[in-house]
């Protein structure tokens, strides 16, 4: 009796599996694979953490504070042209893709 019950359960499961609707994979959001585009090589400085502004009578503390500001400004001076160049190249790539789509639609 146990074997018959087990066999009945297995047959039911098999039948359900055979009649279950086929679920289509969700459509990809684009024609290109994820991660295909090169990441920016630019290193963006984190948010500045200069600490509290020191007492102006403490020359060493003021100089250390100002050095933190100079270092942050230098990092931003390096980052800005790098990210602008990356964005310009990305915009060029976008124009190339648009031209390819326009050519495909013209046919």
Foldseek 3Di string as FASTA:
>chain_A
DVVVVVVVVVVVVVVCVVPPDDDDDDDDPDDDDPPPDDDQPQDQDDPQDLDDQDDPVPVVNNVSSVVSVVVNVVSVVRRVVSVVVVVVVVVVVVVVVVVVVVVVVVD
